[in-house]
C-alpha atoms as a PDB file:
ATOM      1  CA  MET A   1      71.446 116.575  44.140  1.00  0.00           C
ATOM      2  CA  ILE A   2      70.917 112.824  44.267  1.00  0.00           C
ATOM      3  CA  LEU A   3      72.245 110.630  41.465  1.00  0.00           C
ATOM      4  CA  SER A   4      71.707 106.885  40.931  1.00  0.00           C
ATOM      5  CA  LEU A   5      74.769 105.033  39.645  1.00  0.00           C
ATOM      6  CA  ASP A   6      74.582 101.496  38.279  1.00  0.00           C
ATOM      7  CA  ALA A   7      77.450 100.311  40.474  1.00  0.00           C
ATOM      8  CA  MET A   8      77.735  96.879  38.834  1.00  0.00           C
ATOM      9  CA  GLY A   9      77.716  98.171  35.247  1.00  0.00           C
ATOM     10  CA  GLY A  10      80.880  98.261  33.138  1.00  0.00           C
ATOM     11  CA  ASP A  11      83.984  96.178  32.507  1.00  0.00           C
ATOM     12  CA  ARG A  12      85.724  97.477  35.641  1.00  0.00           C
ATOM     13  CA  ALA A  13      82.775  97.465  38.012  1.00  0.00           C
ATOM     14  CA  PRO A  14      82.356  97.621  40.932  1.00  0.00           C
ATOM     15  CA  ALA A  15      85.894  98.832  41.691  1.00  0.00           C
ATOM     16  CA  ALA A  16      85.885 101.678  39.153  1.00  0.00           C
ATOM     17  CA  THR A  17      82.271 102.706  39.725  1.00  0.00           C
ATOM     18  CA  VAL A  18      82.565 102.869  43.505  1.00  0.00           C
ATOM     19  CA  HIS A  19      85.885 104.705  43.348  1.00  0.00           C
ATOM     20  CA  GLY A  20      84.425 107.170  40.835  1.00  0.00           C
ATOM     21  CA  ALA A  21      81.381 107.713  43.039  1.00  0.00           C
ATOM     22  CA  VAL A  22      83.565 108.445  46.067  1.00  0.00           C
ATOM     23  CA  TRP A  23      85.623 110.843  43.957  1.00  0.00           C
ATOM     24  CA  ALA A  24      82.550 112.680  42.638  1.00  0.00           C
ATOM     25  CA  ALA A  25      80.864 112.861  46.041  1.00  0.00           C
ATOM     26  CA  ARG A  26      84.003 114.439  47.492  1.00  0.00           C
ATOM     27  CA  ASP A  27      84.659 116.854  44.589  1.00  0.00           C
ATOM     28  CA  PHE A  28      81.096 117.948  43.847  1.00  0.00           C
ATOM     29  CA  GLY A  29      79.250 117.463  47.128  1.00  0.00           C
ATOM     30  CA  MET A  30      76.583 115.261  45.541  1.00  0.00           C
ATOM     31  CA  THR A  31      74.762 112.253  46.949  1.00  0.00           C
ATOM     32  CA  VAL A  32      75.514 109.177  44.843  1.00  0.00           C
ATOM     33  CA  GLN A  33      73.250 106.188  45.282  1.00  0.00           C
ATOM     34  CA  LEU A  34      75.261 103.035  44.602  1.00  0.00           C
ATOM     35  CA  VAL A  35      72.803 100.619  43.021  1.00  0.00           C
ATOM     36  CA  GLY A  36      73.818  96.977  42.966  1.00  0.00           C
ATOM     37  CA  ARG A  37      74.886  94.024  45.089  1.00  0.00           C
ATOM     38  CA  PRO A  38      75.441  95.350  48.633  1.00  0.00           C
ATOM     39  CA  GLU A  39      78.232  92.941  49.600  1.00  0.00           C
ATOM     40  CA  ALA A  40      80.309  93.810  46.519  1.00  0.00           C
ATOM     41  CA  ILE A  41      79.728  97.550  46.955  1.00  0.00           C
ATOM     42  CA  GLU A  42      80.521  97.471  50.678  1.00  0.00           C
ATOM     43  CA  ALA A  43      83.795  95.655  49.989  1.00  0.00           C
ATOM     44  CA  GLU A  44      84.856  98.397  47.575  1.00  0.00           C
ATOM     45  CA  LEU A  45      83.715 101.251  49.834  1.00  0.00           C
ATOM     46  CA  ALA A  46      85.892  99.819  52.606  1.00  0.00           C
ATOM     47  CA  LYS A  47      88.947 100.623  50.453  1.00  0.00           C
ATOM     48  CA  HIS A  48      88.205 104.370  50.518  1.00  0.00           C
ATOM     49  CA  ASP A  49      87.885 107.148  53.053  1.00  0.00           C
ATOM     50  CA  THR A  50      84.194 108.026  52.864  1.00  0.00           C
ATOM     51  CA  THR A  51      84.078 110.274  55.919  1.00  0.00           C
ATOM     52  CA  GLY A  52      81.386 112.929  55.447  1.00  0.00           C
ATOM     53  CA  LEU A  53      80.273 111.552  52.081  1.00  0.00           C
ATOM     54  CA  ASP A  54      76.709 110.508  51.252  1.00  0.00           C
ATOM     55  CA  LEU A  55      76.910 107.193  49.389  1.00  0.00           C
ATOM     56  CA  PRO A  56      73.799 105.145  50.182  1.00  0.00           C
ATOM     57  CA  ILE A  57      73.576 101.605  48.831  1.00  0.00           C
ATOM     58  CA  ILE A  58      70.398 100.680  46.946  1.00  0.00           C
ATOM     59  CA  PRO A  59      70.171  96.869  46.704  1.00  0.00           C
ATOM     60  CA  ALA A  60      69.822  95.267  43.262  1.00  0.00           C
ATOM     61  CA  GLY A  61      70.462  91.564  42.972  1.00  0.00           C
ATOM     62  CA  GLU A  62      70.852  91.180  39.208  1.00  0.00           C
ATOM     63  CA  VAL A  63      73.186  92.590  36.554  1.00  0.00           C
ATOM     64  CA  ILE A  64      72.580  93.187  32.854  1.00  0.00           C
ATOM     65  CA  GLU A  65      75.803  91.797  31.430  1.00  0.00           C
ATOM     66  CA  MET A  66      77.643  93.244  28.444  1.00  0.00           C
ATOM     67  CA  ASP A  67      76.784  90.222  26.290  1.00  0.00           C
ATOM     68  CA  ASP A  68      73.102  90.103  27.292  1.00  0.00           C
ATOM     69  CA  HIS A  69      70.429  90.850  24.709  1.00  0.00           C
ATOM     70  CA  PRO A  70      69.456  94.378  25.825  1.00  0.00           C
ATOM     71  CA  VAL A  71      65.662  94.295  25.576  1.00  0.00           C
ATOM     72  CA  LYS A  72      65.292  90.689  26.748  1.00  0.00           C
ATOM     73  CA  ALA A  73      67.594  91.276  29.722  1.00  0.00           C
ATOM     74  CA  VAL A  74      65.828  94.460  30.798  1.00  0.00           C
ATOM     75  CA  ARG A  75      62.459  92.699  30.685  1.00  0.00           C
ATOM     76  CA  ALA A  76      63.655  89.506  32.385  1.00  0.00           C
ATOM     77  CA  LYS A  77      65.921  90.989  35.055  1.00  0.00           C
ATOM     78  CA  LYS A  78      63.548  93.233  36.959  1.00  0.00           C
ATOM     79  CA  ASP A  79      66.007  93.478  39.867  1.00  0.00           C
ATOM     80  CA  ALA A  80      68.947  94.491  37.674  1.00  0.00           C
ATOM     81  CA  GLY A  81      70.855  97.592  38.768  1.00  0.00           C
ATOM     82  CA  MET A  82      69.814  99.532  35.666  1.00  0.00           C
ATOM     83  CA  ASN A  83      66.128  98.883  36.272  1.00  0.00           C
ATOM     84  CA  VAL A  84      66.358  99.681  39.972  1.00  0.00           C
ATOM     85  CA  ALA A  85      68.269 102.917  39.281  1.00  0.00           C
ATOM     86  CA  VAL A  86      65.692 103.975  36.696  1.00  0.00           C
ATOM     87  CA  ARG A  87      62.889 103.278  39.170  1.00  0.00           C
ATOM     88  CA  GLN A  88      64.643 105.536  41.676  1.00  0.00           C
ATOM     89  CA  VAL A  89      64.462 108.369  39.130  1.00  0.00           C
ATOM     90  CA  LYS A  90      60.886 107.572  38.148  1.00  0.00           C
ATOM     91  CA  ALA A  91      59.775 107.634  41.792  1.00  0.00           C
ATOM     92  CA  GLY A  92      61.475 110.971  42.438  1.00  0.00           C
ATOM     93  CA  HIS A  93      64.059 109.474  44.806  1.00  0.00           C
ATOM     94  CA  SER A  94      66.892 110.430  42.449  1.00  0.00           C
ATOM     95  CA  ASP A  95      67.603 113.142  39.883  1.00  0.00           C
ATOM     96  CA  ALA A  96      69.511 111.096  37.300  1.00  0.00           C
ATOM     97  CA  PHE A  97      70.520 107.615  36.150  1.00  0.00           C
ATOM     98  CA  ILE A  98      74.149 106.896  35.198  1.00  0.00           C
ATOM     99  CA  THR A  99      75.646 103.666  33.863  1.00  0.00           C
ATOM    100  CA  ALA A 100      78.761 102.273  32.198  1.00  0.00           C
ATOM    101  CA  GLY A 101      76.965  99.011  31.497  1.00  0.00           C
ATOM    102  CA  ASN A 102      75.424  97.518  28.358  1.00  0.00           C
ATOM    103  CA  SER A 103      74.470 100.632  26.344  1.00  0.00           C
ATOM    104  CA  GLY A 104      71.566  98.900  24.608  1.00  0.00           C
ATOM    105  CA  GLY A 105      70.318  97.764  27.994  1.00  0.00           C
ATOM    106  CA  ALA A 106      70.625 101.298  29.357  1.00  0.00           C
ATOM    107  CA  LEU A 107      68.604 102.635  26.425  1.00  0.00           C
ATOM    108  CA  ALA A 108      65.913  99.993  26.913  1.00  0.00           C
ATOM    109  CA  ALA A 109      65.794 100.483  30.696  1.00  0.00           C
ATOM    110  CA  ALA A 110      65.411 104.244  30.321  1.00  0.00           C
ATOM    111  CA  LEU A 111      62.774 103.944  27.598  1.00  0.00           C
ATOM    112  CA  PHE A 112      60.706 101.315  29.427  1.00  0.00           C
ATOM    113  CA  GLY A 113      61.139 102.849  32.861  1.00  0.00           C
ATOM    114  CA  LEU A 114      60.999 106.582  32.150  1.00  0.00           C
ATOM    115  CA  GLY A 115      59.292 106.812  28.770  1.00  0.00           C
ATOM    116  CA  ARG A 116      59.849 109.504  26.173  1.00  0.00           C
ATOM    117  CA  ILE A 117      59.224 113.180  26.774  1.00  0.00           C
ATOM    118  CA  ARG A 118      55.807 113.996  25.331  1.00  0.00           C
ATOM    119  CA  GLY A 119      56.180 114.978  21.679  1.00  0.00           C
ATOM    120  CA  ILE A 120      59.677 113.519  21.243  1.00  0.00           C
ATOM    121  CA  LYS A 121      59.516 110.741  18.656  1.00  0.00           C
ATOM    122  CA  ARG A 122      62.898 109.102  19.380  1.00  0.00           C
ATOM    123  CA  PRO A 123      65.610 109.642  22.004  1.00  0.00           C
ATOM    124  CA  ALA A 124      69.148 110.376  20.867  1.00  0.00           C
ATOM    125  CA  LEU A 125      72.446 109.378  22.441  1.00  0.00           C
ATOM    126  CA  SER A 126      74.940 112.230  22.405  1.00  0.00           C
ATOM    127  CA  THR A 127      78.612 112.853  23.033  1.00  0.00           C
ATOM    128  CA  ILE A 128      81.139 115.649  23.266  1.00  0.00           C
ATOM    129  CA  PHE A 129      83.498 115.502  20.269  1.00  0.00           C
ATOM    130  CA  PRO A 130      86.900 117.281  20.293  1.00  0.00           C
ATOM    131  CA  THR A 131      87.495 119.976  17.666  1.00  0.00           C
ATOM    132  CA  SER A 132      90.144 122.545  16.751  1.00  0.00           C
ATOM    133  CA  SER A 133      87.741 125.412  17.425  1.00  0.00           C
ATOM    134  CA  GLU A 134      88.377 127.954  20.142  1.00  0.00           C
ATOM    135  CA  ARG A 135      85.806 126.185  22.329  1.00  0.00           C
ATOM    136  CA  GLY A 136      87.530 122.866  21.751  1.00  0.00           C
ATOM    137  CA  PHE A 137      84.502 120.646  21.174  1.00  0.00           C
ATOM    138  CA  CYS A 138      81.182 120.132  19.431  1.00  0.00           C
ATOM    139  CA  PHE A 139      78.104 118.200  20.490  1.00  0.00           C
ATOM    140  CA  LEU A 140      77.347 115.152  18.321  1.00  0.00           C
ATOM    141  CA  LEU A 141      74.078 113.193  18.186  1.00  0.00           C
ATOM    142  CA  ASP A 142      72.820 110.542  17.546  1.00  0.00           C
ATOM    143  CA  VAL A 143      75.736 108.172  18.189  1.00  0.00           C
ATOM    144  CA  GLY A 144      73.943 104.857  18.477  1.00  0.00           C
ATOM    145  CA  ALA A 145      70.390 104.954  19.773  1.00  0.00           C
ATOM    146  CA  ASN A 146      68.692 104.963  16.336  1.00  0.00           C
ATOM    147  CA  THR A 147      70.277 103.314  13.318  1.00  0.00           C
ATOM    148  CA  ASP A 148      67.196 103.939  11.167  1.00  0.00           C
ATOM    149  CA  VAL A 149      65.645 107.399  11.339  1.00  0.00           C
ATOM    150  CA  ARG A 150      63.156 109.661   9.617  1.00  0.00           C
ATOM    151  CA  PRO A 151      63.601 113.370   8.752  1.00  0.00           C
ATOM    152  CA  GLU A 152      61.477 114.518  11.688  1.00  0.00           C
ATOM    153  CA  PHE A 153      63.711 112.567  14.081  1.00  0.00           C
ATOM    154  CA  LEU A 154      66.773 114.480  12.863  1.00  0.00           C
ATOM    155  CA  TYR A 155      64.850 117.743  13.181  1.00  0.00           C
ATOM    156  CA  GLN A 156      64.179 116.930  16.834  1.00  0.00           C
ATOM    157  CA  PHE A 157      67.761 115.817  17.429  1.00  0.00           C
ATOM    158  CA  GLY A 158      68.792 119.280  16.295  1.00  0.00           C
ATOM    159  CA  LEU A 159      66.362 120.872  18.747  1.00  0.00           C
ATOM    160  CA  MET A 160      67.472 118.754  21.712  1.00  0.00           C
ATOM    161  CA  GLY A 161      71.143 119.156  20.824  1.00  0.00           C
ATOM    162  CA  SER A 162      70.801 122.914  20.520  1.00  0.00           C
ATOM    163  CA  LEU A 163      69.051 123.146  23.882  1.00  0.00           C
ATOM    164  CA  TYR A 164      71.684 120.985  25.557  1.00  0.00           C
ATOM    165  CA  ALA A 165      74.573 122.930  24.019  1.00  0.00           C
ATOM    166  CA  GLU A 166      73.087 126.233  25.138  1.00  0.00           C
ATOM    167  CA  ARG A 167      71.745 125.192  28.546  1.00  0.00           C
ATOM    168  CA  VAL A 168      74.377 122.745  29.780  1.00  0.00           C
ATOM    169  CA  LEU A 169      77.487 123.526  27.733  1.00  0.00           C
ATOM    170  CA  GLY A 170      77.097 127.296  27.733  1.00  0.00           C
ATOM    171  CA  VAL A 171      77.192 127.799  23.962  1.00  0.00           C
ATOM    172  CA  SER A 172      75.351 130.946  22.921  1.00  0.00           C
ATOM    173  CA  LYS A 173      73.106 130.444  19.879  1.00  0.00           C
ATOM    174  CA  PRO A 174      74.794 127.139  18.890  1.00  0.00           C
ATOM    175  CA  ARG A 175      75.299 126.465  15.195  1.00  0.00           C
ATOM    176  CA  VAL A 176      73.516 123.260  14.177  1.00  0.00           C
ATOM    177  CA  GLY A 177      74.698 121.284  11.151  1.00  0.00           C
ATOM    178  CA  ILE A 178      73.623 118.003   9.588  1.00  0.00           C
ATOM    179  CA  VAL A 179      76.182 115.432   8.370  1.00  0.00           C
ATOM    180  CA  SER A 180      76.162 115.069   4.596  1.00  0.00           C
ATOM    181  CA  THR A 181      78.387 114.122   1.672  1.00  0.00           C
ATOM    182  CA  GLY A 182      78.742 117.725   0.539  1.00  0.00           C
ATOM    183  CA  GLU A 183      78.493 121.143   2.114  1.00  0.00           C
ATOM    184  CA  GLU A 184      76.321 122.567  -0.648  1.00  0.00           C
ATOM    185  CA  GLU A 185      72.565 122.705  -0.191  1.00  0.00           C
ATOM    186  CA  GLY A 186      70.841 119.804  -1.907  1.00  0.00           C
ATOM    187  CA  LYS A 187      73.754 117.388  -1.425  1.00  0.00           C
ATOM    188  CA  GLY A 188      73.356 114.109   0.448  1.00  0.00           C
ATOM    189  CA  SER A 189      70.852 111.306   0.762  1.00  0.00           C
ATOM    190  CA  THR A 190      67.103 111.735   0.461  1.00  0.00           C
ATOM    191  CA  LEU A 191      66.920 111.517   4.256  1.00  0.00           C
ATOM    192  CA  VAL A 192      69.441 114.337   4.722  1.00  0.00           C
ATOM    193  CA  LYS A 193      67.820 116.571   2.117  1.00  0.00           C
ATOM    194  CA  GLU A 194      64.339 116.135   3.590  1.00  0.00           C
ATOM    195  CA  ALA A 195      65.609 116.684   7.135  1.00  0.00           C
ATOM    196  CA  ALA A 196      67.510 119.794   6.056  1.00  0.00           C
ATOM    197  CA  GLU A 197      64.331 121.265   4.603  1.00  0.00           C
ATOM    198  CA  LEU A 198      62.587 120.802   7.956  1.00  0.00           C
ATOM    199  CA  MET A 199      65.554 122.198   9.875  1.00  0.00           C
ATOM    200  CA  LYS A 200      65.609 125.403   7.831  1.00  0.00           C
ATOM    201  CA  ALA A 201      62.385 126.462   9.563  1.00  0.00           C
ATOM    202  CA  ALA A 202      63.440 125.196  12.995  1.00  0.00           C
ATOM    203  CA  PRO A 203      63.609 127.441  16.083  1.00  0.00           C
ATOM    204  CA  TYR A 204      67.378 126.985  16.268  1.00  0.00           C
ATOM    205  CA  ASN A 205      70.424 128.208  14.378  1.00  0.00           C
ATOM    206  CA  PHE A 206      70.623 125.722  11.509  1.00  0.00           C
ATOM    207  CA  ILE A 207      73.661 126.341   9.267  1.00  0.00           C
ATOM    208  CA  GLY A 208      73.143 123.532   6.742  1.00  0.00           C
ATOM    209  CA  ASN A 209      75.300 120.588   5.710  1.00  0.00           C
ATOM    210  CA  VAL A 210      78.641 119.670   7.280  1.00  0.00           C
ATOM    211  CA  GLU A 211      81.047 117.114   5.835  1.00  0.00           C
ATOM    212  CA  GLY A 212      83.118 114.673   7.862  1.00  0.00           C
ATOM    213  CA  LYS A 213      86.170 116.940   7.706  1.00  0.00           C
ATOM    214  CA  ASP A 214      84.136 119.847   9.072  1.00  0.00           C
ATOM    215  CA  ILE A 215      83.347 118.095  12.357  1.00  0.00           C
ATOM    216  CA  PRO A 216      86.859 118.179  13.904  1.00  0.00           C
ATOM    217  CA  ALA A 217      87.347 121.627  12.363  1.00  0.00           C
ATOM    218  CA  GLY A 218      84.519 122.907  14.572  1.00  0.00           C
ATOM    219  CA  LEU A 219      82.346 124.284  11.784  1.00  0.00           C
ATOM    220  CA  ALA A 220      79.234 123.460  13.817  1.00  0.00           C
ATOM    221  CA  ASP A 221      78.591 123.496  17.562  1.00  0.00           C
ATOM    222  CA  VAL A 222      75.934 120.781  17.264  1.00  0.00           C
ATOM    223  CA  VAL A 223      76.279 118.019  14.666  1.00  0.00           C
ATOM    224  CA  VAL A 224      73.203 115.951  13.827  1.00  0.00           C
ATOM    225  CA  THR A 225      73.160 112.542  12.172  1.00  0.00           C
ATOM    226  CA  ASP A 226      71.581 109.102  12.429  1.00  0.00           C
ATOM    227  CA  GLY A 227      72.822 106.658  15.063  1.00  0.00           C
ATOM    228  CA  PHE A 228      74.608 104.389  12.589  1.00  0.00           C
ATOM    229  CA  THR A 229      76.667 107.193  11.048  1.00  0.00           C
ATOM    230  CA  GLY A 230      77.290 108.853  14.404  1.00  0.00           C
ATOM    231  CA  ASN A 231      78.560 105.634  15.942  1.00  0.00           C
ATOM    232  CA  VAL A 232      80.911 105.055  13.007  1.00  0.00           C
ATOM    233  CA  ILE A 233      82.241 108.615  13.361  1.00  0.00           C
ATOM    234  CA  ILE A 234      83.109 108.301  17.048  1.00  0.00           C
ATOM    235  CA  LYS A 235      84.555 104.779  16.776  1.00  0.00           C
ATOM    236  CA  PHE A 236      86.676 105.756  13.764  1.00  0.00           C
ATOM    237  CA  ALA A 237      87.890 108.903  15.512  1.00  0.00           C
ATOM    238  CA  GLU A 238      88.797 106.934  18.633  1.00  0.00           C
ATOM    239  CA  GLY A 239      90.729 104.369  16.632  1.00  0.00           C
ATOM    240  CA  LEU A 240      92.465 106.990  14.506  1.00  0.00           C
ATOM    241  CA  SER A 241      93.599 109.032  17.503  1.00  0.00           C
ATOM    242  CA  LYS A 242      95.097 105.920  19.134  1.00  0.00           C
ATOM    243  CA  PHE A 243      96.835 105.002  15.883  1.00  0.00           C
ATOM    244  CA  LEU A 244      98.321 108.464  15.397  1.00  0.00           C
ATOM    245  CA  LEU A 245      99.505 108.877  18.986  1.00  0.00           C
ATOM    246  CA  GLY A 246     100.943 105.346  18.962  1.00  0.00           C
ATOM    247  CA  THR A 247     102.731 105.901  15.646  1.00  0.00           C
ATOM    248  CA  ILE A 248     104.236 109.186  16.843  1.00  0.00           C
ATOM    249  CA  LYS A 249     105.587 107.472  19.979  1.00  0.00           C
ATOM    250  CA  GLN A 250     107.086 104.646  17.927  1.00  0.00           C
ATOM    251  CA  GLU A 251     108.783 107.029  15.486  1.00  0.00           C
ATOM    252  CA  ILE A 252     110.186 109.141  18.318  1.00  0.00           C
ATOM    253  CA  LYS A 253     111.662 106.078  20.064  1.00  0.00           C
ATOM    254  CA  ALA A 254     113.329 105.045  16.801  1.00  0.00           C
ATOM    255  CA  ARG A 255     115.277 108.335  16.631  1.00  0.00           C
ATOM    256  CA  PRO A 256     117.645 109.273  19.506  1.00  0.00           C
ATOM    257  CA  LEU A 257     117.530 112.992  18.746  1.00  0.00           C
ATOM    258  CA  ALA A 258     113.756 112.916  18.573  1.00  0.00           C
ATOM    259  CA  VAL A 259     113.651 111.346  22.048  1.00  0.00           C
ATOM    260  CA  ALA A 260     115.545 114.305  23.448  1.00  0.00           C
ATOM    261  CA  GLY A 261     113.232 116.729  21.706  1.00  0.00           C
ATOM    262  CA  SER A 262     110.158 114.872  22.912  1.00  0.00           C
ATOM    263  CA  LEU A 263     111.162 115.524  26.515  1.00  0.00           C
ATOM    264  CA  LEU A 264     110.876 119.246  25.833  1.00  0.00           C
ATOM    265  CA  ALA A 265     107.538 118.728  24.110  1.00  0.00           C
ATOM    266  CA  ARG A 266     106.100 116.420  26.772  1.00  0.00           C
ATOM    267  CA  GLY A 267     103.705 119.071  28.024  1.00  0.00           C
ATOM    268  CA  ALA A 268     102.296 119.589  24.537  1.00  0.00           C
ATOM    269  CA  PHE A 269     101.915 115.841  23.972  1.00  0.00           C
ATOM    270  CA  ASN A 270     100.111 115.470  27.298  1.00  0.00           C
ATOM    271  CA  ALA A 271      97.759 118.334  26.423  1.00  0.00           C
ATOM    272  CA  VAL A 272      96.894 116.743  23.077  1.00  0.00           C
ATOM    273  CA  GLY A 273      96.338 113.370  24.715  1.00  0.00           C
ATOM    274  CA  LYS A 274      94.016 114.923  27.284  1.00  0.00           C
ATOM    275  CA  LYS A 275      92.009 116.694  24.592  1.00  0.00           C
ATOM    276  CA  LEU A 276      91.456 113.417  22.753  1.00  0.00           C
ATOM    277  CA  ASP A 277      90.784 111.357  25.898  1.00  0.00           C
ATOM    278  CA  TYR A 278      87.139 110.239  26.113  1.00  0.00           C
ATOM    279  CA  ARG A 279      87.531 109.983  29.904  1.00  0.00           C
ATOM    280  CA  GLU A 280      87.532 113.771  30.172  1.00  0.00           C
ATOM    281  CA  PHE A 281      84.026 113.973  28.683  1.00  0.00           C
ATOM    282  CA  GLY A 282      82.541 111.522  31.186  1.00  0.00           C
ATOM    283  CA  GLY A 283      79.558 110.234  29.269  1.00  0.00           C
ATOM    284  CA  GLY A 284      76.825 111.017  26.796  1.00  0.00           C
ATOM    285  CA  ALA A 285      73.347 112.225  27.617  1.00  0.00           C
ATOM    286  CA  LEU A 286      70.424 110.165  26.328  1.00  0.00           C
ATOM    287  CA  LEU A 287      68.194 113.054  25.295  1.00  0.00           C
ATOM    288  CA  GLY A 288      64.457 112.652  24.832  1.00  0.00           C
ATOM    289  CA  VAL A 289      63.695 110.265  27.700  1.00  0.00           C
ATOM    290  CA  ASN A 290      61.748 111.641  30.652  1.00  0.00           C
ATOM    291  CA  GLY A 291      64.622 111.640  33.102  1.00  0.00           C
ATOM    292  CA  VAL A 292      68.289 112.643  33.011  1.00  0.00           C
ATOM    293  CA  THR A 293      70.218 109.616  31.742  1.00  0.00           C
ATOM    294  CA  ILE A 294      73.981 109.448  31.170  1.00  0.00           C
ATOM    295  CA  ILE A 295      75.585 106.475  29.416  1.00  0.00           C
ATOM    296  CA  THR A 296      79.350 106.181  29.535  1.00  0.00           C
ATOM    297  CA  HIS A 297      81.982 103.870  28.042  1.00  0.00           C
ATOM    298  CA  GLY A 298      81.926 100.197  29.016  1.00  0.00           C
ATOM    299  CA  ARG A 299      85.614 100.268  29.922  1.00  0.00           C
ATOM    300  CA  SER A 300      85.280 103.386  32.060  1.00  0.00           C
ATOM    301  CA  ASP A 301      87.756 103.801  34.895  1.00  0.00           C
ATOM    302  CA  ALA A 302      87.134 105.731  38.103  1.00  0.00           C
ATOM    303  CA  TYR A 303      88.059 109.073  36.531  1.00  0.00           C
ATOM    304  CA  THR A 304      85.524 108.529  33.734  1.00  0.00           C
ATOM    305  CA  ILE A 305      82.815 107.640  36.248  1.00  0.00           C
ATOM    306  CA  ARG A 306      83.651 110.741  38.268  1.00  0.00           C
ATOM    307  CA  ASN A 307      83.227 112.873  35.167  1.00  0.00           C
ATOM    308  CA  ALA A 308      80.041 111.069  34.094  1.00  0.00           C
ATOM    309  CA  LEU A 309      78.524 111.971  37.455  1.00  0.00           C
ATOM    310  CA  ARG A 310      79.672 115.561  36.923  1.00  0.00           C
ATOM    311  CA  VAL A 311      77.946 115.614  33.511  1.00  0.00           C
ATOM    312  CA  ALA A 312      74.756 114.241  35.061  1.00  0.00           C
ATOM    313  CA  GLY A 313      74.904 116.862  37.794  1.00  0.00           C
ATOM    314  CA  ASN A 314      75.272 119.654  35.241  1.00  0.00           C
ATOM    315  CA  ALA A 315      72.288 118.391  33.245  1.00  0.00           C
ATOM    316  CA  VAL A 316      70.160 118.306  36.395  1.00  0.00           C
ATOM    317  CA  GLU A 317      71.344 121.713  37.588  1.00  0.00           C
ATOM    318  CA  LYS A 318      70.616 123.328  34.209  1.00  0.00           C
ATOM    319  CA  ASP A 319      67.209 121.600  34.058  1.00  0.00           C
ATOM    320  CA  ILE A 320      67.644 120.232  30.552  1.00  0.00           C
ATOM    321  CA  LEU A 321      64.435 118.191  30.881  1.00  0.00           C
ATOM    322  CA  HIS A 322      62.329 121.324  31.346  1.00  0.00           C
ATOM    323  CA  ALA A 323      64.096 122.998  28.421  1.00  0.00           C
ATOM    324  CA  ILE A 324      63.263 120.128  26.082  1.00  0.00           C
ATOM    325  CA  LYS A 325      59.705 119.781  27.372  1.00  0.00           C
ATOM    326  CA  THR A 326      58.936 123.430  26.766  1.00  0.00           C
ATOM    327  CA  GLY A 327      60.867 123.594  23.482  1.00  0.00           C
ATOM    328  CA  LYS A 328      62.320 126.946  24.558  1.00  0.00           C
ATOM    329  CA  LYS A 329      60.811 128.779  21.606  1.00  0.00           C
ATOM    330  CA  GLU A 330      62.969 131.858  22.071  1.00  0.00           C
ATOM    331  CA  ILE A 331      65.973 130.115  20.473  1.00  0.00           C
END
């Protein structure tokens, strides 16, 4: 397993990316190509014990910055780490591309460099979303790749999401729902209603509409929506979880007896915090491009990068590309 990591991508790069790569190489036995400026990468590698680890440096002299215009930067900076990493995958020298850099740039680099899987109209960016279900999560897409969509795009998002949930996440016959303003059939926008009609005849387990409240309740294993709505959902959830955890801490500190009780409940608080921590999920797969691509949070630390590499490794091992290409009609 050989993975190409954009070592200069992200707010904490290259320190976090290199540390995460060392961590993943040690824990999972994978080869991680560190793509970026050799002198910066070498300086970070020197801080770690890399004995027995395979961490080759692939030179890339440019960086697509967080404030760059994604498409313009990808086209202008041919030697940017994202572009070089994508070319490694395209040439068969690597099995996957991973970045914590400019997400729009990552999308453009993957689309230009790898192209779409034949028959897939639009790629979709996905994420694991925590729920109260026994499994503890659902799979949400799209969360930002496509703000404007057509019904057939959502139909295909459902197919790719179902395949990923079954193949990579181990969910048997995943329940696929579409985000709407009501759970009853016929509710929602024209887009949702037309997409739902297509999804009824799909070769996956479509269960109909799900409302916002149904997502954290775990009503569906795969939740399909457009990129605008999906991005709002995950950003709102992230902000709300921080607000609630912060408010609980403040209220506990304001009450001496509550402080004593919180010490006994520390394990429970830590478990809740871990369940809501995006770092545990690593990163989201960009499904529909012709190469495994994982995009993770711009402020990713080493632990997030380690988990993003784990997610990429799982997608490669389970051969999600082949599953999507063949459509796996038996679902």
